[in-house]
C-alpha atoms as a PDB file:
ATOM      1  CA  UNK A   1      48.887  43.524  42.731  1.00  0.00           C
ATOM      2  CA  UNK A   2      50.931  42.354  45.717  1.00  0.00           C
ATOM      3  CA  UNK A   3      52.791  44.854  47.862  1.00  0.00           C
ATOM      4  CA  UNK A   4      55.602  43.785  50.194  1.00  0.00           C
ATOM      5  CA  UNK A   5      56.516  45.405  53.494  1.00  0.00           C
ATOM      6  CA  UNK A   6      59.502  44.304  55.533  1.00  0.00           C
ATOM      7  CA  UNK A   7      58.182  44.059  59.088  1.00  0.00           C
ATOM      8  CA  UNK A   8      61.030  42.333  60.921  1.00  0.00           C
ATOM      9  CA  UNK A   9      64.590  41.469  59.849  1.00  0.00           C
ATOM     10  CA  UNK A  10      64.357  38.779  57.132  1.00  0.00           C
ATOM     11  CA  UNK A  11      60.515  38.824  57.230  1.00  0.00           C
ATOM     12  CA  UNK A  12      58.374  40.237  54.438  1.00  0.00           C
ATOM     13  CA  UNK A  13      54.584  40.514  54.636  1.00  0.00           C
ATOM     14  CA  UNK A  14      52.689  40.436  51.339  1.00  0.00           C
ATOM     15  CA  UNK A  15      49.687  42.741  51.241  1.00  0.00           C
ATOM     16  CA  UNK A  16      47.038  42.712  48.545  1.00  0.00           C
ATOM     17  CA  UNK A  17      44.411  45.458  48.243  1.00  0.00           C
ATOM     18  CA  UNK A  18      40.831  44.218  48.423  1.00  0.00           C
ATOM     19  CA  UNK A  19      39.294  43.780  44.989  1.00  0.00           C
ATOM     20  CA  UNK A  20      35.944  45.426  44.320  1.00  0.00           C
ATOM     21  CA  UNK A  21      34.309  45.449  40.913  1.00  0.00           C
ATOM     22  CA  UNK A  22      33.360  49.054  40.241  1.00  0.00           C
ATOM     23  CA  UNK A  23      33.442  49.934  36.543  1.00  0.00           C
ATOM     24  CA  UNK A  24      35.292  53.136  35.710  1.00  0.00           C
ATOM     25  CA  UNK A  25      36.662  54.501  32.470  1.00  0.00           C
ATOM     26  CA  UNK A  26      40.317  55.586  32.324  1.00  0.00           C
ATOM     27  CA  UNK A  27      39.318  58.435  29.989  1.00  0.00           C
ATOM     28  CA  UNK A  28      37.064  59.856  32.741  1.00  0.00           C
ATOM     29  CA  UNK A  29      39.930  59.788  35.248  1.00  0.00           C
ATOM     30  CA  UNK A  30      42.268  61.649  32.897  1.00  0.00           C
ATOM     31  CA  UNK A  31      39.615  64.276  32.200  1.00  0.00           C
ATOM     32  CA  UNK A  32      38.865  64.847  35.888  1.00  0.00           C
ATOM     33  CA  UNK A  33      42.565  65.094  36.795  1.00  0.00           C
ATOM     34  CA  UNK A  34      43.214  67.642  34.069  1.00  0.00           C
ATOM     35  CA  UNK A  35      40.125  69.705  34.863  1.00  0.00           C
ATOM     36  CA  UNK A  36      40.927  70.174  38.562  1.00  0.00           C
ATOM     37  CA  UNK A  37      44.698  69.869  39.034  1.00  0.00           C
ATOM     38  CA  UNK A  38      46.159  69.945  35.515  1.00  0.00           C
ATOM     39  CA  UNK A  39      49.738  69.958  34.287  1.00  0.00           C
ATOM     40  CA  UNK A  40      50.227  73.678  35.027  1.00  0.00           C
ATOM     41  CA  UNK A  41      49.601  72.754  38.697  1.00  0.00           C
ATOM     42  CA  UNK A  42      52.454  70.166  38.731  1.00  0.00           C
ATOM     43  CA  UNK A  43      55.956  71.244  39.828  1.00  0.00           C
ATOM     44  CA  UNK A  44      58.814  68.670  39.907  1.00  0.00           C
ATOM     45  CA  UNK A  45      61.416  68.905  42.651  1.00  0.00           C
ATOM     46  CA  UNK A  46      64.722  70.485  41.631  1.00  0.00           C
ATOM     47  CA  UNK A  47      67.172  68.806  44.030  1.00  0.00           C
ATOM     48  CA  UNK A  48      67.500  65.474  45.818  1.00  0.00           C
ATOM     49  CA  UNK A  49      66.028  66.819  49.087  1.00  0.00           C
ATOM     50  CA  UNK A  50      63.643  69.366  47.613  1.00  0.00           C
ATOM     51  CA  UNK A  51      60.394  67.361  47.592  1.00  0.00           C
ATOM     52  CA  UNK A  52      58.570  69.126  50.449  1.00  0.00           C
ATOM     53  CA  UNK A  53      59.348  72.584  49.054  1.00  0.00           C
ATOM     54  CA  UNK A  54      58.134  71.451  45.622  1.00  0.00           C
ATOM     55  CA  UNK A  55      54.872  70.148  47.141  1.00  0.00           C
ATOM     56  CA  UNK A  56      54.300  73.430  48.987  1.00  0.00           C
ATOM     57  CA  UNK A  57      55.013  75.380  45.772  1.00  0.00           C
ATOM     58  CA  UNK A  58      52.555  73.161  43.941  1.00  0.00           C
ATOM     59  CA  UNK A  59      49.678  73.686  46.391  1.00  0.00           C
ATOM     60  CA  UNK A  60      50.415  77.430  46.520  1.00  0.00           C
ATOM     61  CA  UNK A  61      50.190  77.502  42.728  1.00  0.00           C
ATOM     62  CA  UNK A  62      46.722  76.036  43.163  1.00  0.00           C
ATOM     63  CA  UNK A  63      45.796  78.440  45.995  1.00  0.00           C
ATOM     64  CA  UNK A  64      48.365  81.019  47.127  1.00  0.00           C
ATOM     65  CA  UNK A  65      46.647  81.503  50.503  1.00  0.00           C
ATOM     66  CA  UNK A  66      47.222  77.916  51.687  1.00  0.00           C
ATOM     67  CA  UNK A  67      49.537  77.711  54.714  1.00  0.00           C
ATOM     68  CA  UNK A  68      50.896  74.197  55.353  1.00  0.00           C
ATOM     69  CA  UNK A  69      51.386  73.100  58.979  1.00  0.00           C
ATOM     70  CA  UNK A  70      54.881  72.284  60.277  1.00  0.00           C
ATOM     71  CA  UNK A  71      56.195  68.785  60.906  1.00  0.00           C
ATOM     72  CA  UNK A  72      55.379  69.212  64.621  1.00  0.00           C
ATOM     73  CA  UNK A  73      51.707  69.778  63.686  1.00  0.00           C
ATOM     74  CA  UNK A  74      51.508  66.968  61.104  1.00  0.00           C
ATOM     75  CA  UNK A  75      49.109  64.043  61.510  1.00  0.00           C
ATOM     76  CA  UNK A  76      51.421  61.000  61.781  1.00  0.00           C
ATOM     77  CA  UNK A  77      50.023  57.589  60.837  1.00  0.00           C
ATOM     78  CA  UNK A  78      53.120  55.347  60.581  1.00  0.00           C
ATOM     79  CA  UNK A  79      56.495  55.236  62.317  1.00  0.00           C
ATOM     80  CA  UNK A  80      59.652  53.411  61.256  1.00  0.00           C
ATOM     81  CA  UNK A  81      60.968  51.263  64.104  1.00  0.00           C
ATOM     82  CA  UNK A  82      64.188  49.502  63.102  1.00  0.00           C
ATOM     83  CA  UNK A  83      63.337  47.464  60.029  1.00  0.00           C
ATOM     84  CA  UNK A  84      59.569  47.595  60.495  1.00  0.00           C
ATOM     85  CA  UNK A  85      56.686  50.025  60.231  1.00  0.00           C
ATOM     86  CA  UNK A  86      54.366  50.611  63.199  1.00  0.00           C
ATOM     87  CA  UNK A  87      50.837  51.940  62.683  1.00  0.00           C
ATOM     88  CA  UNK A  88      50.252  54.974  64.922  1.00  0.00           C
ATOM     89  CA  UNK A  89      46.871  56.052  63.607  1.00  0.00           C
ATOM     90  CA  UNK A  90      44.409  54.631  61.060  1.00  0.00           C
ATOM     91  CA  UNK A  91      42.471  57.870  60.642  1.00  0.00           C
ATOM     92  CA  UNK A  92      42.785  59.079  57.054  1.00  0.00           C
ATOM     93  CA  UNK A  93      39.624  61.230  57.206  1.00  0.00           C
ATOM     94  CA  UNK A  94      41.716  64.423  57.026  1.00  0.00           C
ATOM     95  CA  UNK A  95      42.535  63.525  53.420  1.00  0.00           C
ATOM     96  CA  UNK A  96      38.864  63.018  52.545  1.00  0.00           C
ATOM     97  CA  UNK A  97      37.822  66.262  54.261  1.00  0.00           C
ATOM     98  CA  UNK A  98      40.408  68.338  52.370  1.00  0.00           C
ATOM     99  CA  UNK A  99      39.650  66.703  49.011  1.00  0.00           C
ATOM    100  CA  UNK A 100      35.912  67.194  49.581  1.00  0.00           C
ATOM    101  CA  UNK A 101      36.391  70.971  49.826  1.00  0.00           C
ATOM    102  CA  UNK A 102      38.617  70.949  46.744  1.00  0.00           C
ATOM    103  CA  UNK A 103      42.087  71.117  48.303  1.00  0.00           C
ATOM    104  CA  UNK A 104      45.095  68.989  47.302  1.00  0.00           C
ATOM    105  CA  UNK A 105      46.788  67.207  50.238  1.00  0.00           C
ATOM    106  CA  UNK A 106      50.524  67.091  50.963  1.00  0.00           C
ATOM    107  CA  UNK A 107      51.511  63.752  52.516  1.00  0.00           C
ATOM    108  CA  UNK A 108      54.760  62.167  53.557  1.00  0.00           C
ATOM    109  CA  UNK A 109      55.661  58.657  52.415  1.00  0.00           C
ATOM    110  CA  UNK A 110      58.175  55.996  53.403  1.00  0.00           C
ATOM    111  CA  UNK A 111      60.024  54.005  50.741  1.00  0.00           C
ATOM    112  CA  UNK A 112      63.365  52.869  52.233  1.00  0.00           C
ATOM    113  CA  UNK A 113      64.311  51.754  55.737  1.00  0.00           C
ATOM    114  CA  UNK A 114      66.960  53.881  57.471  1.00  0.00           C
ATOM    115  CA  UNK A 115      66.927  56.433  54.627  1.00  0.00           C
ATOM    116  CA  UNK A 116      67.826  59.189  57.104  1.00  0.00           C
ATOM    117  CA  UNK A 117      65.587  62.114  56.119  1.00  0.00           C
ATOM    118  CA  UNK A 118      63.017  64.175  57.993  1.00  0.00           C
ATOM    119  CA  UNK A 119      61.879  62.619  61.304  1.00  0.00           C
ATOM    120  CA  UNK A 120      63.352  59.194  60.390  1.00  0.00           C
ATOM    121  CA  UNK A 121      60.254  57.658  58.803  1.00  0.00           C
ATOM    122  CA  UNK A 122      59.220  60.020  56.001  1.00  0.00           C
ATOM    123  CA  UNK A 123      61.522  59.679  52.998  1.00  0.00           C
ATOM    124  CA  UNK A 124      59.592  61.738  50.439  1.00  0.00           C
ATOM    125  CA  UNK A 125      56.564  64.016  49.980  1.00  0.00           C
ATOM    126  CA  UNK A 126      53.811  63.765  47.372  1.00  0.00           C
ATOM    127  CA  UNK A 127      50.485  65.558  46.737  1.00  0.00           C
ATOM    128  CA  UNK A 128      47.167  63.682  46.765  1.00  0.00           C
ATOM    129  CA  UNK A 129      44.841  65.258  44.203  1.00  0.00           C
ATOM    130  CA  UNK A 130      41.736  63.051  44.184  1.00  0.00           C
ATOM    131  CA  UNK A 131      39.920  60.044  45.563  1.00  0.00           C
ATOM    132  CA  UNK A 132      38.663  57.485  43.090  1.00  0.00           C
ATOM    133  CA  UNK A 133      37.489  53.916  42.575  1.00  0.00           C
ATOM    134  CA  UNK A 134      38.444  51.279  40.033  1.00  0.00           C
ATOM    135  CA  UNK A 135      38.193  47.480  39.734  1.00  0.00           C
ATOM    136  CA  UNK A 136      40.574  47.098  42.746  1.00  0.00           C
ATOM    137  CA  UNK A 137      38.536  49.446  44.943  1.00  0.00           C
ATOM    138  CA  UNK A 138      39.155  52.884  46.469  1.00  0.00           C
ATOM    139  CA  UNK A 139      42.407  54.740  45.866  1.00  0.00           C
ATOM    140  CA  UNK A 140      43.980  58.160  46.248  1.00  0.00           C
ATOM    141  CA  UNK A 141      45.558  59.578  43.076  1.00  0.00           C
ATOM    142  CA  UNK A 142      48.791  61.465  43.720  1.00  0.00           C
ATOM    143  CA  UNK A 143      51.290  63.680  41.953  1.00  0.00           C
ATOM    144  CA  UNK A 144      54.898  62.688  42.564  1.00  0.00           C
ATOM    145  CA  UNK A 145      57.220  65.698  42.569  1.00  0.00           C
ATOM    146  CA  UNK A 146      60.205  63.319  42.412  1.00  0.00           C
ATOM    147  CA  UNK A 147      59.326  62.180  38.883  1.00  0.00           C
ATOM    148  CA  UNK A 148      59.697  64.676  36.054  1.00  0.00           C
ATOM    149  CA  UNK A 149      58.377  62.207  33.452  1.00  0.00           C
ATOM    150  CA  UNK A 150      55.634  60.346  35.338  1.00  0.00           C
ATOM    151  CA  UNK A 151      54.720  62.758  38.122  1.00  0.00           C
ATOM    152  CA  UNK A 152      51.099  63.023  37.007  1.00  0.00           C
ATOM    153  CA  UNK A 153      50.655  59.425  35.825  1.00  0.00           C
ATOM    154  CA  UNK A 154      47.229  57.839  36.342  1.00  0.00           C
ATOM    155  CA  UNK A 155      49.162  54.854  37.756  1.00  0.00           C
ATOM    156  CA  UNK A 156      50.216  56.882  40.843  1.00  0.00           C
ATOM    157  CA  UNK A 157      47.747  55.492  43.410  1.00  0.00           C
ATOM    158  CA  UNK A 158      47.687  54.842  47.165  1.00  0.00           C
ATOM    159  CA  UNK A 159      45.394  52.039  48.384  1.00  0.00           C
ATOM    160  CA  UNK A 160      44.331  50.916  51.863  1.00  0.00           C
ATOM    161  CA  UNK A 161      45.728  47.524  52.893  1.00  0.00           C
ATOM    162  CA  UNK A 162      45.887  46.132  56.453  1.00  0.00           C
ATOM    163  CA  UNK A 163      45.751  49.602  58.018  1.00  0.00           C
ATOM    164  CA  UNK A 164      48.413  51.104  55.734  1.00  0.00           C
ATOM    165  CA  UNK A 165      47.921  53.387  52.735  1.00  0.00           C
ATOM    166  CA  UNK A 166      50.325  51.814  50.256  1.00  0.00           C
ATOM    167  CA  UNK A 167      51.028  52.803  46.700  1.00  0.00           C
ATOM    168  CA  UNK A 168      53.071  52.311  43.644  1.00  0.00           C
ATOM    169  CA  UNK A 169      54.055  55.043  41.291  1.00  0.00           C
ATOM    170  CA  UNK A 170      54.651  54.355  37.617  1.00  0.00           C
ATOM    171  CA  UNK A 171      58.348  53.700  38.220  1.00  0.00           C
ATOM    172  CA  UNK A 172      60.311  53.354  41.446  1.00  0.00           C
ATOM    173  CA  UNK A 173      59.810  52.011  44.967  1.00  0.00           C
ATOM    174  CA  UNK A 174      56.445  51.481  46.646  1.00  0.00           C
ATOM    175  CA  UNK A 175      55.239  54.150  49.038  1.00  0.00           C
ATOM    176  CA  UNK A 176      53.660  53.826  52.493  1.00  0.00           C
ATOM    177  CA  UNK A 177      51.869  56.951  53.758  1.00  0.00           C
ATOM    178  CA  UNK A 178      53.509  58.239  56.969  1.00  0.00           C
ATOM    179  CA  UNK A 179      52.060  61.694  57.639  1.00  0.00           C
ATOM    180  CA  UNK A 180      49.372  64.108  56.488  1.00  0.00           C
ATOM    181  CA  UNK A 181      49.892  67.865  56.384  1.00  0.00           C
ATOM    182  CA  UNK A 182      46.857  70.054  57.027  1.00  0.00           C
ATOM    183  CA  UNK A 183      46.462  73.761  56.314  1.00  0.00           C
ATOM    184  CA  UNK A 184      46.077  76.533  58.861  1.00  0.00           C
END
């Protein structure tokens, strides 16, 4: 699976996740997803700019005491600069730490240059629900509040490639992780 990122005007870099042969059964993934963060956990966004609120509602449905940090307190990993993405931080350990203690993780993603939302880089928010491995290697499974039909698809995965966490949902543009929201 090749993933393209426009780095400079008229320049596209092709990124391919590293391939690792680790056998895993799709049935096991579906079972684990349903057992921990099932369909009653998922909430689709209602309006075009409602994704963050939907993500917060989703994690509060899982645990009503969770308090998500503000954008000023977010852990930023990528910044949009013109028609390119600049890596600010390659530390994704916050995701692993939260998943390890059983918490879903709200993250911001970029999908379109000069989209004009949030701080200028983050175009959308999704919720990471698990870390897994398949024949392509490690990935983070996510729920996409912007998709009413495929929001909980097993194809919604972010993978590490050249310092970026990049993913493809079942349908729509590719995502590049831009920020991680912790809990207070």
